[in-house]
Amino acid sequence: MYISNVQYGVGAIVIDVNVTELRQNLPAYLAKVRKGQRIRVTSRGRLIAEITPPTVDADIATAARALLKGSVVRYDRPLEPALGELEWDANR
């Protein structure tokens, strides 16, 4: 696999690859994208496309934060049980 240029961006590696190389090794490049890398596709030395991992939809992230808000329990004594004996569902 030939990679024409590797750049280090903020938080991720950016790989430049030409169209022919991408077409010949598409599964390997998609595996890299799946792991978080960005691929910049070039044709005759000019950038024509970028392949990036999917981003989380803002609405989904906001809903997840709202669901989790207030769910963290503070434990002042971490070596003692968090719930009383009668509060466990298994003991009912």
PDB file of N, CA and C in Angstrom:
ATOM      1  N   MET A   1       0.852  -1.168   0.000  1.00  0.00           N
ATOM      2  CA  MET A   1       0.000   0.000   0.000  1.00  0.00           C
ATOM      3  C   MET A   1       0.898   1.231   0.000  1.00  0.00           C
ATOM      4  N   TYR A   2       0.691   2.112  -0.926  1.00  0.00           N
ATOM      5  CA  TYR A   2       1.475   3.329  -1.059  1.00  0.00           C
ATOM      6  C   TYR A   2       0.663   4.511  -0.554  1.00  0.00           C
ATOM      7  N   ILE A   3       1.249   5.246   0.359  1.00  0.00           N
ATOM      8  CA  ILE A   3       0.611   6.452   0.879  1.00  0.00           C
ATOM      9  C   ILE A   3       1.477   7.625   0.453  1.00  0.00           C
ATOM     10  N   SER A   4       0.893   8.542  -0.307  1.00  0.00           N
ATOM     11  CA  SER A   4       1.689   9.621  -0.862  1.00  0.00           C
ATOM     12  C   SER A   4       2.107  10.657   0.168  1.00  0.00           C
ATOM     13  N   ASN A   5       1.307  10.872   1.180  1.00  0.00           N
ATOM     14  CA  ASN A   5       1.612  11.921   2.139  1.00  0.00           C
ATOM     15  C   ASN A   5       0.846  11.643   3.425  1.00  0.00           C
ATOM     16  N   VAL A   6       1.521  11.763   4.540  1.00  0.00           N
ATOM     17  CA  VAL A   6       0.860  11.618   5.829  1.00  0.00           C
ATOM     18  C   VAL A   6       1.044  12.922   6.586  1.00  0.00           C
ATOM     19  N   GLN A   7      -0.054  13.499   7.051  1.00  0.00           N
ATOM     20  CA  GLN A   7      -0.002  14.735   7.811  1.00  0.00           C
ATOM     21  C   GLN A   7      -0.603  14.494   9.178  1.00  0.00           C
ATOM     22  N   TYR A   8      -0.086  15.183  10.156  1.00  0.00           N
ATOM     23  CA  TYR A   8      -0.592  15.047  11.513  1.00  0.00           C
ATOM     24  C   TYR A   8      -1.388  16.294  11.852  1.00  0.00           C
ATOM     25  N   GLY A   9      -2.711  16.128  11.912  1.00  0.00           N
ATOM     26  CA  GLY A   9      -3.584  17.235  12.265  1.00  0.00           C
ATOM     27  C   GLY A   9      -3.878  17.192  13.755  1.00  0.00           C
ATOM     28  N   VAL A  10      -4.790  18.026  14.175  1.00  0.00           N
ATOM     29  CA  VAL A  10      -5.169  18.076  15.578  1.00  0.00           C
ATOM     30  C   VAL A  10      -5.956  16.818  15.909  1.00  0.00           C
ATOM     31  N   GLY A  11      -5.386  15.909  16.680  1.00  0.00           N
ATOM     32  CA  GLY A  11      -6.090  14.738  17.154  1.00  0.00           C
ATOM     33  C   GLY A  11      -6.194  13.576  16.183  1.00  0.00           C
ATOM     34  N   ALA A  12      -5.717  13.730  14.949  1.00  0.00           N
ATOM     35  CA  ALA A  12      -5.875  12.626  14.006  1.00  0.00           C
ATOM     36  C   ALA A  12      -4.786  12.686  12.935  1.00  0.00           C
ATOM     37  N   ILE A  13      -4.511  11.543  12.364  1.00  0.00           N
ATOM     38  CA  ILE A  13      -3.590  11.458  11.251  1.00  0.00           C
ATOM     39  C   ILE A  13      -4.396  11.645   9.970  1.00  0.00           C
ATOM     40  N   VAL A  14      -3.884  12.462   9.055  1.00  0.00           N
ATOM     41  CA  VAL A  14      -4.527  12.683   7.771  1.00  0.00           C
ATOM     42  C   VAL A  14      -3.649  12.037   6.714  1.00  0.00           C
ATOM     43  N   ILE A  15      -4.241  11.162   5.905  1.00  0.00           N
ATOM     44  CA  ILE A  15      -3.496  10.453   4.875  1.00  0.00           C
ATOM     45  C   ILE A  15      -3.958  10.955   3.513  1.00  0.00           C
ATOM     46  N   ASP A  16      -3.004  11.361   2.666  1.00  0.00           N
ATOM     47  CA  ASP A  16      -3.309  11.712   1.282  1.00  0.00           C
ATOM     48  C   ASP A  16      -3.066  10.485   0.424  1.00  0.00           C
ATOM     49  N   VAL A  17      -4.016  10.147  -0.422  1.00  0.00           N
ATOM     50  CA  VAL A  17      -3.885   8.976  -1.292  1.00  0.00           C
ATOM     51  C   VAL A  17      -4.517   9.300  -2.642  1.00  0.00           C
ATOM     52  N   ASN A  18      -3.902   8.801  -3.726  1.00  0.00           N
ATOM     53  CA  ASN A  18      -4.489   9.080  -5.036  1.00  0.00           C
ATOM     54  C   ASN A  18      -5.622   8.105  -5.329  1.00  0.00           C
ATOM     55  N   VAL A  19      -6.430   8.446  -6.321  1.00  0.00           N
ATOM     56  CA  VAL A  19      -7.639   7.680  -6.633  1.00  0.00           C
ATOM     57  C   VAL A  19      -7.315   6.231  -6.968  1.00  0.00           C
ATOM     58  N   THR A  20      -6.276   6.006  -7.763  1.00  0.00           N
ATOM     59  CA  THR A  20      -5.927   4.652  -8.171  1.00  0.00           C
ATOM     60  C   THR A  20      -5.562   3.786  -6.970  1.00  0.00           C
ATOM     61  N   GLU A  21      -4.744   4.327  -6.078  1.00  0.00           N
ATOM     62  CA  GLU A  21      -4.348   3.589  -4.879  1.00  0.00           C
ATOM     63  C   GLU A  21      -5.558   3.303  -3.995  1.00  0.00           C
ATOM     64  N   LEU A  22      -6.422   4.283  -3.839  1.00  0.00           N
ATOM     65  CA  LEU A  22      -7.625   4.091  -3.030  1.00  0.00           C
ATOM     66  C   LEU A  22      -8.497   2.987  -3.607  1.00  0.00           C
ATOM     67  N   ARG A  23      -8.689   3.017  -4.918  1.00  0.00           N
ATOM     68  CA  ARG A  23      -9.535   2.021  -5.575  1.00  0.00           C
ATOM     69  C   ARG A  23      -8.959   0.610  -5.406  1.00  0.00           C
ATOM     70  N   GLN A  24      -7.634   0.473  -5.490  1.00  0.00           N
ATOM     71  CA  GLN A  24      -6.993  -0.835  -5.394  1.00  0.00           C
ATOM     72  C   GLN A  24      -6.988  -1.387  -3.974  1.00  0.00           C
ATOM     73  N   ASN A  25      -7.030  -0.506  -2.980  1.00  0.00           N
ATOM     74  CA  ASN A  25      -6.929  -0.935  -1.581  1.00  0.00           C
ATOM     75  C   ASN A  25      -8.047  -0.353  -0.725  1.00  0.00           C
ATOM     76  N   LEU A  26      -9.230  -0.237  -1.283  1.00  0.00           N
ATOM     77  CA  LEU A  26     -10.339   0.407  -0.577  1.00  0.00           C
ATOM     78  C   LEU A  26     -10.635  -0.216   0.797  1.00  0.00           C
ATOM     79  N   PRO A  27     -10.711  -1.557   0.936  1.00  0.00           N
ATOM     80  CA  PRO A  27     -11.015  -2.113   2.264  1.00  0.00           C
ATOM     81  C   PRO A  27      -9.998  -1.702   3.336  1.00  0.00           C
ATOM     82  N   ALA A  28      -8.728  -1.644   2.970  1.00  0.00           N
ATOM     83  CA  ALA A  28      -7.701  -1.260   3.953  1.00  0.00           C
ATOM     84  C   ALA A  28      -7.860   0.199   4.369  1.00  0.00           C
ATOM     85  N   TYR A  29      -8.162   1.068   3.407  1.00  0.00           N
ATOM     86  CA  TYR A  29      -8.355   2.477   3.745  1.00  0.00           C
ATOM     87  C   TYR A  29      -9.625   2.693   4.561  1.00  0.00           C
ATOM     88  N   LEU A  30     -10.687   1.960   4.240  1.00  0.00           N
ATOM     89  CA  LEU A  30     -11.906   2.079   5.041  1.00  0.00           C
ATOM     90  C   LEU A  30     -11.685   1.596   6.471  1.00  0.00           C
ATOM     91  N   ALA A  31     -10.830   0.604   6.647  1.00  0.00           N
ATOM     92  CA  ALA A  31     -10.492   0.148   8.003  1.00  0.00           C
ATOM     93  C   ALA A  31      -9.778   1.256   8.771  1.00  0.00           C
ATOM     94  N   LYS A  32      -8.913   1.996   8.098  1.00  0.00           N
ATOM     95  CA  LYS A  32      -8.229   3.124   8.749  1.00  0.00           C
ATOM     96  C   LYS A  32      -9.229   4.204   9.156  1.00  0.00           C
ATOM     97  N   VAL A  33     -10.184   4.491   8.265  1.00  0.00           N
ATOM     98  CA  VAL A  33     -11.212   5.487   8.579  1.00  0.00           C
ATOM     99  C   VAL A  33     -12.042   5.018   9.763  1.00  0.00           C
ATOM    100  N   ARG A  34     -12.373   3.737   9.798  1.00  0.00           N
ATOM    101  CA  ARG A  34     -13.148   3.168  10.902  1.00  0.00           C
ATOM    102  C   ARG A  34     -12.426   3.372  12.236  1.00  0.00           C
ATOM    103  N   LYS A  35     -11.082   3.399  12.201  1.00  0.00           N
ATOM    104  CA  LYS A  35     -10.286   3.602  13.419  1.00  0.00           C
ATOM    105  C   LYS A  35     -10.078   5.075  13.751  1.00  0.00           C
ATOM    106  N   GLY A  36     -10.652   5.960  12.926  1.00  0.00           N
ATOM    107  CA  GLY A  36     -10.594   7.382  13.260  1.00  0.00           C
ATOM    108  C   GLY A  36      -9.708   8.230  12.368  1.00  0.00           C
ATOM    109  N   GLN A  37      -9.011   7.643  11.414  1.00  0.00           N
ATOM    110  CA  GLN A  37      -8.148   8.426  10.540  1.00  0.00           C
ATOM    111  C   GLN A  37      -8.951   9.088   9.431  1.00  0.00           C
ATOM    112  N   ARG A  38      -8.428  10.203   8.921  1.00  0.00           N
ATOM    113  CA  ARG A  38      -9.041  10.897   7.793  1.00  0.00           C
ATOM    114  C   ARG A  38      -8.225  10.591   6.546  1.00  0.00           C
ATOM    115  N   ILE A  39      -8.902  10.386   5.436  1.00  0.00           N
ATOM    116  CA  ILE A  39      -8.253  10.116   4.155  1.00  0.00           C
ATOM    117  C   ILE A  39      -8.587  11.269   3.212  1.00  0.00           C
ATOM    118  N   ARG A  40      -7.557  11.870   2.615  1.00  0.00           N
ATOM    119  CA  ARG A  40      -7.771  12.890   1.593  1.00  0.00           C
ATOM    120  C   ARG A  40      -7.443  12.258   0.250  1.00  0.00           C
ATOM    121  N   VAL A  41      -8.394  12.286  -0.669  1.00  0.00           N
ATOM    122  CA  VAL A  41      -8.247  11.645  -1.975  1.00  0.00           C
ATOM    123  C   VAL A  41      -7.792  12.699  -2.983  1.00  0.00           C
ATOM    124  N   THR A  42      -6.731  12.368  -3.725  1.00  0.00           N
ATOM    125  CA  THR A  42      -6.205  13.285  -4.720  1.00  0.00           C
ATOM    126  C   THR A  42      -6.282  12.666  -6.113  1.00  0.00           C
ATOM    127  N   SER A  43      -6.373  13.523  -7.098  1.00  0.00           N
ATOM    128  CA  SER A  43      -6.321  13.110  -8.496  1.00  0.00           C
ATOM    129  C   SER A  43      -5.371  14.071  -9.198  1.00  0.00           C
ATOM    130  N   ARG A  44      -4.291  13.509  -9.739  1.00  0.00           N
ATOM    131  CA  ARG A  44      -3.255  14.320 -10.389  1.00  0.00           C
ATOM    132  C   ARG A  44      -2.737  15.408  -9.473  1.00  0.00           C
ATOM    133  N   GLY A  45      -2.599  15.062  -8.199  1.00  0.00           N
ATOM    134  CA  GLY A  45      -2.038  15.979  -7.219  1.00  0.00           C
ATOM    135  C   GLY A  45      -3.002  16.992  -6.628  1.00  0.00           C
ATOM    136  N   ARG A  46      -4.245  16.984  -7.086  1.00  0.00           N
ATOM    137  CA  ARG A  46      -5.223  17.934  -6.561  1.00  0.00           C
ATOM    138  C   ARG A  46      -6.211  17.221  -5.645  1.00  0.00           C
ATOM    139  N   LEU A  47      -6.513  17.853  -4.527  1.00  0.00           N
ATOM    140  CA  LEU A  47      -7.472  17.297  -3.567  1.00  0.00           C
ATOM    141  C   LEU A  47      -8.864  17.313  -4.181  1.00  0.00           C
ATOM    142  N   ILE A  48      -9.532  16.128  -4.181  1.00  0.00           N
ATOM    143  CA  ILE A  48     -10.884  16.065  -4.740  1.00  0.00           C
ATOM    144  C   ILE A  48     -11.925  15.605  -3.730  1.00  0.00           C
ATOM    145  N   ALA A  49     -11.495  14.942  -2.647  1.00  0.00           N
ATOM    146  CA  ALA A  49     -12.469  14.458  -1.662  1.00  0.00           C
ATOM    147  C   ALA A  49     -11.768  14.135  -0.354  1.00  0.00           C
ATOM    148  N   GLU A  50     -12.572  14.048   0.703  1.00  0.00           N
ATOM    149  CA  GLU A  50     -12.095  13.586   2.006  1.00  0.00           C
ATOM    150  C   GLU A  50     -13.029  12.499   2.500  1.00  0.00           C
ATOM    151  N   ILE A  51     -12.441  11.475   3.091  1.00  0.00           N
ATOM    152  CA  ILE A  51     -13.230  10.418   3.727  1.00  0.00           C
ATOM    153  C   ILE A  51     -12.934  10.515   5.214  1.00  0.00           C
ATOM    154  N   THR A  52     -13.968  10.738   6.002  1.00  0.00           N
ATOM    155  CA  THR A  52     -13.789  10.904   7.446  1.00  0.00           C
ATOM    156  C   THR A  52     -14.739   9.988   8.196  1.00  0.00           C
ATOM    157  N   PRO A  53     -14.393   9.672   9.447  1.00  0.00           N
ATOM    158  CA  PRO A  53     -15.331   8.887  10.258  1.00  0.00           C
ATOM    159  C   PRO A  53     -16.610   9.689  10.477  1.00  0.00           C
ATOM    160  N   PRO A  54     -17.728   9.009  10.691  1.00  0.00           N
ATOM    161  CA  PRO A  54     -18.978   9.738  10.934  1.00  0.00           C
ATOM    162  C   PRO A  54     -18.921  10.502  12.250  1.00  0.00           C
ATOM    163  N   THR A  55     -19.636  11.602  12.289  1.00  0.00           N
ATOM    164  CA  THR A  55     -19.712  12.382  13.518  1.00  0.00           C
ATOM    165  C   THR A  55     -21.042  12.080  14.207  1.00  0.00           C
ATOM    166  N   VAL A  56     -21.062  12.317  15.494  1.00  0.00           N
ATOM    167  CA  VAL A  56     -22.292  12.099  16.254  1.00  0.00           C
ATOM    168  C   VAL A  56     -23.238  13.257  15.988  1.00  0.00           C
ATOM    169  N   ASP A  57     -24.461  12.944  15.681  1.00  0.00           N
ATOM    170  CA  ASP A  57     -25.472  13.959  15.446  1.00  0.00           C
ATOM    171  C   ASP A  57     -25.651  14.776  16.724  1.00  0.00           C
ATOM    172  N   ALA A  58     -25.701  16.088  16.588  1.00  0.00           N
ATOM    173  CA  ALA A  58     -25.813  16.982  17.746  1.00  0.00           C
ATOM    174  C   ALA A  58     -27.065  16.688  18.568  1.00  0.00           C
ATOM    175  N   ASP A  59     -28.167  16.358  17.896  1.00  0.00           N
ATOM    176  CA  ASP A  59     -29.405  16.062  18.625  1.00  0.00           C
ATOM    177  C   ASP A  59     -29.270  14.805  19.472  1.00  0.00           C
ATOM    178  N   ILE A  60     -28.595  13.801  18.942  1.00  0.00           N
ATOM    179  CA  ILE A  60     -28.386  12.555  19.688  1.00  0.00           C
ATOM    180  C   ILE A  60     -27.491  12.810  20.884  1.00  0.00           C
ATOM    181  N   ALA A  61     -26.430  13.587  20.691  1.00  0.00           N
ATOM    182  CA  ALA A  61     -25.513  13.894  21.793  1.00  0.00           C
ATOM    183  C   ALA A  61     -26.215  14.691  22.884  1.00  0.00           C
ATOM    184  N   THR A  62     -27.030  15.654  22.480  1.00  0.00           N
ATOM    185  CA  THR A  62     -27.773  16.458  23.460  1.00  0.00           C
ATOM    186  C   THR A  62     -28.757  15.595  24.231  1.00  0.00           C
ATOM    187  N   ALA A  63     -29.443  14.691  23.542  1.00  0.00           N
ATOM    188  CA  ALA A  63     -30.397  13.799  24.206  1.00  0.00           C
ATOM    189  C   ALA A  63     -29.683  12.865  25.181  1.00  0.00           C
ATOM    190  N   ALA A  64     -28.515  12.378  24.797  1.00  0.00           N
ATOM    191  CA  ALA A  64     -27.758  11.491  25.684  1.00  0.00           C
ATOM    192  C   ALA A  64     -27.306  12.245  26.932  1.00  0.00           C
ATOM    193  N   ARG A  65     -26.829  13.473  26.757  1.00  0.00           N
ATOM    194  CA  ARG A  65     -26.413  14.269  27.926  1.00  0.00           C
ATOM    195  C   ARG A  65     -27.597  14.536  28.855  1.00  0.00           C
ATOM    196  N   ALA A  66     -28.750  14.856  28.284  1.00  0.00           N
ATOM    197  CA  ALA A  66     -29.948  15.125  29.094  1.00  0.00           C
ATOM    198  C   ALA A  66     -30.362  13.890  29.872  1.00  0.00           C
ATOM    199  N   LEU A  67     -30.259  12.735  29.240  1.00  0.00           N
ATOM    200  CA  LEU A  67     -30.622  11.484  29.899  1.00  0.00           C
ATOM    201  C   LEU A  67     -29.679  11.174  31.062  1.00  0.00           C
ATOM    202  N   LEU A  68     -28.399  11.468  30.879  1.00  0.00           N
ATOM    203  CA  LEU A  68     -27.405  11.149  31.902  1.00  0.00           C
ATOM    204  C   LEU A  68     -27.252  12.228  32.977  1.00  0.00           C
ATOM    205  N   LYS A  69     -27.757  13.416  32.708  1.00  0.00           N
ATOM    206  CA  LYS A  69     -27.605  14.516  33.663  1.00  0.00           C
ATOM    207  C   LYS A  69     -28.229  14.154  35.004  1.00  0.00           C
ATOM    208  N   GLY A  70     -27.472  14.303  36.060  1.00  0.00           N
ATOM    209  CA  GLY A  70     -27.951  14.003  37.404  1.00  0.00           C
ATOM    210  C   GLY A  70     -27.870  12.532  37.773  1.00  0.00           C
ATOM    211  N   SER A  71     -27.330  11.700  36.878  1.00  0.00           N
ATOM    212  CA  SER A  71     -27.286  10.272  37.174  1.00  0.00           C
ATOM    213  C   SER A  71     -26.018   9.838  37.906  1.00  0.00           C
ATOM    214  N   VAL A  72     -25.060  10.736  38.020  1.00  0.00           N
ATOM    215  CA  VAL A  72     -23.826  10.396  38.716  1.00  0.00           C
ATOM    216  C   VAL A  72     -24.055  10.511  40.212  1.00  0.00           C
ATOM    217  N   VAL A  73     -23.664   9.493  40.935  1.00  0.00           N
ATOM    218  CA  VAL A  73     -23.840   9.455  42.382  1.00  0.00           C
ATOM    219  C   VAL A  73     -22.493   9.682  43.048  1.00  0.00           C
ATOM    220  N   ARG A  74     -22.455  10.540  44.006  1.00  0.00           N
ATOM    221  CA  ARG A  74     -21.218  10.809  44.730  1.00  0.00           C
ATOM    222  C   ARG A  74     -21.084   9.813  45.874  1.00  0.00           C
ATOM    223  N   TYR A  75     -19.905   9.244  46.000  1.00  0.00           N
ATOM    224  CA  TYR A  75     -19.627   8.290  47.071  1.00  0.00           C
ATOM    225  C   TYR A  75     -18.559   8.861  47.986  1.00  0.00           C
ATOM    226  N   ASP A  76     -18.938   9.213  49.186  1.00  0.00           N
ATOM    227  CA  ASP A  76     -17.970   9.729  50.147  1.00  0.00           C
ATOM    228  C   ASP A  76     -17.188   8.598  50.793  1.00  0.00           C
ATOM    229  N   ARG A  77     -17.769   7.406  50.823  1.00  0.00           N
ATOM    230  CA  ARG A  77     -17.099   6.232  51.405  1.00  0.00           C
ATOM    231  C   ARG A  77     -17.110   5.111  50.364  1.00  0.00           C
ATOM    232  N   PRO A  78     -16.127   5.096  49.442  1.00  0.00           N
ATOM    233  CA  PRO A  78     -16.152   4.164  48.317  1.00  0.00           C
ATOM    234  C   PRO A  78     -16.019   2.693  48.694  1.00  0.00           C
ATOM    235  N   LEU A  79     -15.600   2.392  49.897  1.00  0.00           N
ATOM    236  CA  LEU A  79     -15.449   0.994  50.289  1.00  0.00           C
ATOM    237  C   LEU A  79     -16.718   0.406  50.894  1.00  0.00           C
ATOM    238  N   GLU A  80     -17.731   1.240  51.074  1.00  0.00           N
ATOM    239  CA  GLU A  80     -19.004   0.761  51.607  1.00  0.00           C
ATOM    240  C   GLU A  80     -20.018   0.642  50.471  1.00  0.00           C
ATOM    241  N   PRO A  81     -21.024  -0.211  50.594  1.00  0.00           N
ATOM    242  CA  PRO A  81     -22.023  -0.355  49.530  1.00  0.00           C
ATOM    243  C   PRO A  81     -22.729   0.966  49.233  1.00  0.00           C
ATOM    244  N   ALA A  82     -23.018   1.199  47.976  1.00  0.00           N
ATOM    245  CA  ALA A  82     -23.683   2.434  47.563  1.00  0.00           C
ATOM    246  C   ALA A  82     -25.149   2.436  47.967  1.00  0.00           C
ATOM    247  N   LEU A  83     -25.769   1.268  47.972  1.00  0.00           N
ATOM    248  CA  LEU A  83     -27.178   1.150  48.325  1.00  0.00           C
ATOM    249  C   LEU A  83     -27.332   0.301  49.574  1.00  0.00           C
ATOM    250  N   GLY A  84     -28.413   0.547  50.285  1.00  0.00           N
ATOM    251  CA  GLY A  84     -28.699  -0.268  51.440  1.00  0.00           C
ATOM    252  C   GLY A  84     -29.135  -1.676  51.012  1.00  0.00           C
ATOM    253  N   GLU A  85     -29.083  -2.595  51.930  1.00  0.00           N
ATOM    254  CA  GLU A  85     -29.396  -3.999  51.649  1.00  0.00           C
ATOM    255  C   GLU A  85     -30.801  -4.173  51.055  1.00  0.00           C
ATOM    256  N   LEU A  86     -31.767  -3.414  51.526  1.00  0.00           N
ATOM    257  CA  LEU A  86     -33.142  -3.557  51.048  1.00  0.00           C
ATOM    258  C   LEU A  86     -33.406  -2.829  49.720  1.00  0.00           C
ATOM    259  N   GLU A  87     -32.449  -1.995  49.281  1.00  0.00           N
ATOM    260  CA  GLU A  87     -32.633  -1.247  48.038  1.00  0.00           C
ATOM    261  C   GLU A  87     -32.228  -2.053  46.787  1.00  0.00           C
ATOM    262  N   TRP A  88     -31.546  -3.152  46.956  1.00  0.00           N
ATOM    263  CA  TRP A  88     -31.142  -3.969  45.811  1.00  0.00           C
ATOM    264  C   TRP A  88     -32.343  -4.754  45.295  1.00  0.00           C
ATOM    265  N   ASP A  89     -32.551  -4.723  43.979  1.00  0.00           N
ATOM    266  CA  ASP A  89     -33.656  -5.478  43.371  1.00  0.00           C
ATOM    267  C   ASP A  89     -33.524  -6.977  43.629  1.00  0.00           C
ATOM    268  N   ALA A  90     -32.293  -7.469  43.687  1.00  0.00           N
ATOM    269  CA  ALA A  90     -32.073  -8.894  43.889  1.00  0.00           C
ATOM    270  C   ALA A  90     -32.501  -9.343  45.287  1.00  0.00           C
ATOM    271  N   ASN A  91     -32.553  -8.420  46.254  1.00  0.00           N
ATOM    272  CA  ASN A  91     -32.923  -8.776  47.612  1.00  0.00           C
ATOM    273  C   ASN A  91     -34.427  -8.662  47.869  1.00  0.00           C
ATOM    274  N   ARG A  92     -35.187  -8.251  46.878  1.00  0.00           N
ATOM    275  CA  ARG A  92     -36.627  -8.070  47.088  1.00  0.00           C
ATOM    276  C   ARG A  92     -37.373  -9.341  46.831  1.00  0.00           C
TER     277      ARG A  92
END
